[in-house]
N, C-alpha and C. Protein backbone atom coordinates (compact mmCIF):
# COMPACT_ATOMS: atom_id res chain seq x y z
N UNK A 1 0.89 -0.95 -0.18
CA UNK A 1 -0.04 -0.25 0.16
C UNK A 1 0.88 1.12 -0.15
N UNK A 2 0.28 2.27 -0.49
CA UNK A 2 0.94 3.57 -0.64
C UNK A 2 0.28 4.76 -0.39
N UNK A 3 1.14 5.31 0.31
CA UNK A 3 -0.16 6.85 0.57
C UNK A 3 0.79 8.03 -0.24
N UNK A 4 -0.36 8.72 -1.49
CA UNK A 4 0.57 9.49 -2.30
C UNK A 4 0.51 10.94 -1.96
N UNK A 5 1.92 11.10 -1.60
CA UNK A 5 2.29 12.42 -1.02
C UNK A 5 1.85 13.74 -1.96
N UNK A 6 1.88 15.14 -1.42
CA UNK A 6 1.60 16.37 -2.20
C UNK A 6 2.57 16.27 -3.56
N UNK A 7 3.86 15.88 -3.44
CA UNK A 7 5.23 16.04 -3.84
C UNK A 7 5.86 15.03 -4.87
N UNK A 8 4.22 13.86 -4.95
CA UNK A 8 4.27 13.04 -5.61
C UNK A 8 3.95 13.59 -7.10
N UNK A 9 4.06 12.80 -8.38
CA UNK A 9 3.41 13.15 -9.68
C UNK A 9 3.11 11.97 -10.06
N UNK A 10 3.97 10.97 -10.45
CA UNK A 10 3.81 9.74 -10.98
C UNK A 10 4.25 8.70 -10.33
N UNK A 11 3.16 7.51 -9.87
CA UNK A 11 3.10 6.67 -9.44
C UNK A 11 2.85 5.17 -9.96
N UNK A 12 3.95 4.23 -9.96
CA UNK A 12 3.92 3.02 -10.64
C UNK A 12 3.51 2.11 -9.86
N UNK A 13 2.49 1.23 -9.62
CA UNK A 13 1.91 -0.04 -8.99
C UNK A 13 2.43 -1.02 -9.44
N UNK A 14 3.18 -1.73 -8.33
CA UNK A 14 4.03 -3.30 -8.62
C UNK A 14 4.01 -4.01 -7.81
N UNK A 15 2.90 -4.60 -7.38
CA UNK A 15 2.66 -4.89 -6.68
C UNK A 15 1.47 -5.66 -6.32
N UNK A 16 0.87 -6.91 -5.58
CA UNK A 16 0.17 -7.59 -5.19
C UNK A 16 -1.12 -6.92 -4.32
N UNK A 17 -2.12 -6.61 -4.96
CA UNK A 17 -3.06 -5.78 -4.28
C UNK A 17 -2.71 -4.80 -3.66
N UNK A 18 -2.74 -3.64 -4.57
CA UNK A 18 -2.47 -2.02 -4.00
C UNK A 18 -3.24 -1.33 -3.82
N UNK A 19 -2.96 -0.60 -2.65
CA UNK A 19 -4.12 0.54 -2.40
C UNK A 19 -3.26 1.89 -2.53
N UNK A 20 -3.48 2.54 -3.84
CA UNK A 20 -2.59 3.68 -3.36
C UNK A 20 -3.91 4.91 -2.90
N UNK A 21 -3.38 5.44 -1.64
CA UNK A 21 -4.18 6.65 -1.27
C UNK A 21 -4.22 8.15 -1.56
N UNK A 22 -4.83 8.80 -2.54
CA UNK A 22 -4.78 10.24 -2.53
C UNK A 22 -4.42 10.89 -1.37
N UNK A 23 -4.01 12.23 -1.49
CA UNK A 23 -4.09 13.25 -0.34
C UNK A 23 -5.70 13.50 0.06
N UNK A 24 -5.93 14.23 0.89
CA UNK A 24 -6.75 15.20 1.02
C UNK A 24 -7.36 16.12 -0.18
N UNK A 25 -8.14 15.95 -0.67
CA UNK A 25 -8.59 16.47 -1.83
C UNK A 25 -8.32 18.27 -1.41
N UNK A 26 -8.89 18.64 -0.53
CA UNK A 26 -8.78 19.92 0.18
C UNK A 26 -7.40 20.53 0.18
N UNK A 27 -6.31 19.24 0.40
CA UNK A 27 -5.31 20.20 0.55
C UNK A 27 -4.44 20.26 -0.51
N UNK A 28 -4.44 20.11 -1.72
CA UNK A 28 -3.96 19.84 -2.89
C UNK A 28 -4.55 21.05 -3.92
N UNK A 29 -3.90 21.74 -4.83
CA UNK A 29 -4.17 22.99 -5.50
C UNK A 29 -4.94 22.09 -6.41
N UNK A 30 -5.88 22.88 -7.03
CA UNK A 30 -6.54 22.35 -8.48
C UNK A 30 -5.83 21.93 -9.78
N UNK A 31 -4.89 22.97 -9.81
CA UNK A 31 -3.79 22.65 -10.86
C UNK A 31 -3.12 21.21 -10.75
N UNK A 32 -3.10 20.50 -10.11
CA UNK A 32 -1.83 19.78 -9.11
C UNK A 32 -3.02 18.28 -9.94
N UNK A 33 -1.97 17.37 -10.52
CA UNK A 33 -2.14 16.27 -11.05
C UNK A 33 -1.77 14.83 -10.52
N UNK A 34 -2.01 13.79 -10.51
CA UNK A 34 -1.47 12.72 -10.60
C UNK A 34 -1.63 11.89 -11.56
N UNK A 35 -0.76 11.06 -11.69
CA UNK A 35 -0.86 9.58 -12.62
C UNK A 35 0.07 8.62 -12.12
N UNK A 36 -1.34 7.79 -11.93
CA UNK A 36 -0.97 6.12 -11.50
C UNK A 36 -1.60 5.51 -12.45
N UNK A 37 -0.20 4.37 -13.04
CA UNK A 37 -0.04 3.02 -13.41
C UNK A 37 -0.05 2.04 -12.84
N UNK A 38 -0.99 0.73 -12.87
CA UNK A 38 -0.42 -0.20 -12.36
C UNK A 38 0.01 -1.33 -14.13
N UNK A 39 0.81 -1.98 -13.38
CA UNK A 39 2.05 -2.93 -14.18
C UNK A 39 1.97 -4.48 -13.05
N UNK A 40 1.08 -4.46 -12.48
CA UNK A 40 0.78 -5.91 -12.01
C UNK A 40 -0.22 -6.54 -12.58
N UNK A 41 -0.55 -7.70 -12.24
CA UNK A 41 -1.99 -8.95 -12.82
C UNK A 41 -2.92 -8.30 -12.08
N UNK A 42 -2.44 -8.06 -10.59
CA UNK A 42 -3.88 -7.69 -9.85
C UNK A 42 -3.60 -6.21 -9.78
N UNK A 43 -5.31 -6.07 -9.30
CA UNK A 43 -6.01 -4.91 -9.50
C UNK A 43 -5.01 -3.52 -8.46
N UNK A 44 -5.00 -2.44 -9.11
CA UNK A 44 -4.45 -1.22 -8.27
C UNK A 44 -5.89 -0.40 -7.42
N UNK A 45 -6.02 -0.65 -6.38
CA UNK A 45 -6.89 0.56 -6.20
C UNK A 45 -6.51 1.31 -5.43
N UNK A 46 -7.37 2.89 -6.38
CA UNK A 46 -7.26 4.56 -5.80
C UNK A 46 -8.18 4.11 -4.85
N UNK A 47 -7.79 5.32 -3.55
CA UNK A 47 -9.13 5.74 -2.70
C UNK A 47 -8.76 7.29 -2.38
N UNK A 48 -9.34 8.13 -1.61
CA UNK A 48 -8.98 9.34 -1.44
C UNK A 48 -9.03 9.21 0.69
N UNK A 49 -7.65 9.85 0.74
CA UNK A 49 -7.56 10.13 1.84
C UNK A 49 -8.80 11.10 2.92
N UNK A 50 -9.18 10.68 3.46
CA UNK A 50 -10.67 11.57 4.51
C UNK A 50 -11.90 10.60 4.47
N UNK A 51 -12.61 11.03 5.36
CA UNK A 51 -13.78 10.40 5.68
C UNK A 51 -14.92 11.06 4.10
N UNK A 52 -15.40 10.02 3.63
CA UNK A 52 -16.40 10.52 2.78
C UNK A 52 -16.17 11.22 1.69
N UNK A 53 -14.25 10.74 1.38
CA UNK A 53 -14.27 11.29 -0.26
C UNK A 53 -13.98 10.69 -1.27
N UNK A 54 -13.97 10.84 -2.40
CA UNK A 54 -14.56 9.65 -3.35
C UNK A 54 -13.57 10.08 -4.32
N UNK A 55 -13.47 9.09 -5.48
CA UNK A 55 -12.74 8.95 -6.85
C UNK A 55 -13.95 8.96 -7.93
N UNK A 56 -14.39 10.31 -8.41
CA UNK A 56 -14.93 9.88 -9.57
C UNK A 56 -16.88 9.63 -9.01
N UNK A 57 -17.09 10.38 -7.72
CA UNK A 57 -18.50 10.19 -7.10
C UNK A 57 -17.83 8.48 -6.53
N UNK A 58 -17.14 7.60 -6.65
CA UNK A 58 -17.52 6.43 -5.74
C UNK A 58 -16.18 6.18 -4.71
N UNK A 59 -16.31 5.12 -3.99
CA UNK A 59 -15.61 5.46 -2.98
C UNK A 59 -13.94 5.20 -3.10
N UNK A 60 -14.09 4.17 -4.38
CA UNK A 60 -12.56 3.60 -4.73
C UNK A 60 -12.80 3.55 -6.55
N UNK A 61 -11.70 3.50 -7.37
CA UNK A 61 -11.66 3.12 -8.37
C UNK A 61 -10.55 2.29 -8.63
N UNK A 62 -10.32 0.94 -9.68
CA UNK A 62 -9.63 -0.20 -9.83
C UNK A 62 -9.04 0.22 -11.42
N UNK A 63 -7.64 0.14 -10.92
CA UNK A 63 -7.14 -0.12 -12.21
C UNK A 63 -6.52 -1.47 -12.54
N UNK A 64 -6.79 -2.17 -13.70
CA UNK A 64 -6.43 -3.70 -13.74
C UNK A 64 -4.92 -3.19 -14.48
N UNK A 65 -4.14 -4.51 -14.74
CA UNK A 65 -3.06 -4.05 -15.18
C UNK A 65 -2.89 -3.72 -16.49
N UNK A 66 -1.91 -2.77 -16.91
CA UNK A 66 -1.60 -1.82 -17.83
C UNK A 66 -2.45 -0.48 -17.57
N UNK A 67 -3.37 -0.40 -17.12
CA UNK A 67 -3.97 0.90 -17.13
C UNK A 67 -3.57 2.05 -16.21
N UNK A 68 -3.90 3.34 -16.57
CA UNK A 68 -3.23 4.09 -15.80
C UNK A 68 -4.66 5.14 -15.61
N UNK A 69 -4.47 5.83 -14.71
CA UNK A 69 -5.49 6.91 -14.33
C UNK A 69 -4.90 8.45 -14.29
N UNK A 70 -5.11 9.29 -14.61
CA UNK A 70 -4.87 10.95 -13.96
C UNK A 70 -5.79 11.42 -13.18
N UNK A 71 -5.41 11.90 -12.05
CA UNK A 71 -6.67 12.46 -11.04
C UNK A 71 -6.26 13.85 -10.37
N UNK A 72 -6.85 14.66 -10.60
CA UNK A 72 -7.52 16.04 -10.30
C UNK A 72 -8.36 16.38 -8.94
N UNK A 73 -7.90 17.13 -8.25
CA UNK A 73 -8.95 17.52 -7.16
C UNK A 73 -9.50 18.64 -7.35
N UNK A 74 -11.17 18.60 -7.17
CA UNK A 74 -11.43 19.79 -7.59
C UNK A 74 -11.80 20.75 -5.95
N UNK A 75 -11.40 20.15 -5.24
CA UNK A 75 -11.45 21.16 -3.86
C UNK A 75 -12.44 19.65 -2.91
N UNK A 76 -13.06 18.94 -3.03
CA UNK A 76 -13.96 18.36 -2.21
C UNK A 76 -13.95 16.49 -2.76
N UNK A 77 -13.17 16.25 -3.73
CA UNK A 77 -13.06 15.14 -4.07
C UNK A 77 -12.31 14.91 -5.86
N UNK A 78 -11.89 13.67 -5.88
CA UNK A 78 -10.96 13.22 -6.67
C UNK A 78 -11.55 13.05 -8.01
N UNK A 79 -11.20 13.48 -9.45
CA UNK A 79 -11.81 13.24 -10.97
C UNK A 79 -10.88 12.65 -11.66
N UNK A 80 -10.88 11.42 -12.07
CA UNK A 80 -10.04 11.12 -13.03
C UNK A 80 -10.46 11.94 -14.67
N UNK A 81 -9.08 12.44 -15.20
CA UNK A 81 -9.00 13.02 -16.68
C UNK A 81 -8.56 12.12 -17.36
């Protein structure tokens, strides 16, 4: 498991059943984005720090092998673009 820091920009998931936790959306500037890529055969789960914080309106997002996601904050949640 990995907690994404505000200074990260690209995260490569290479491990079994990894969860990547994005920072609190309210603590990140709206022009900041993170790219996550999964290179493992098991899913990389993307979640947001904080209670009731979401990724595209859901509690988590799953990236299958070779999938990638780019995430930006609108100040209250994370959006994939």
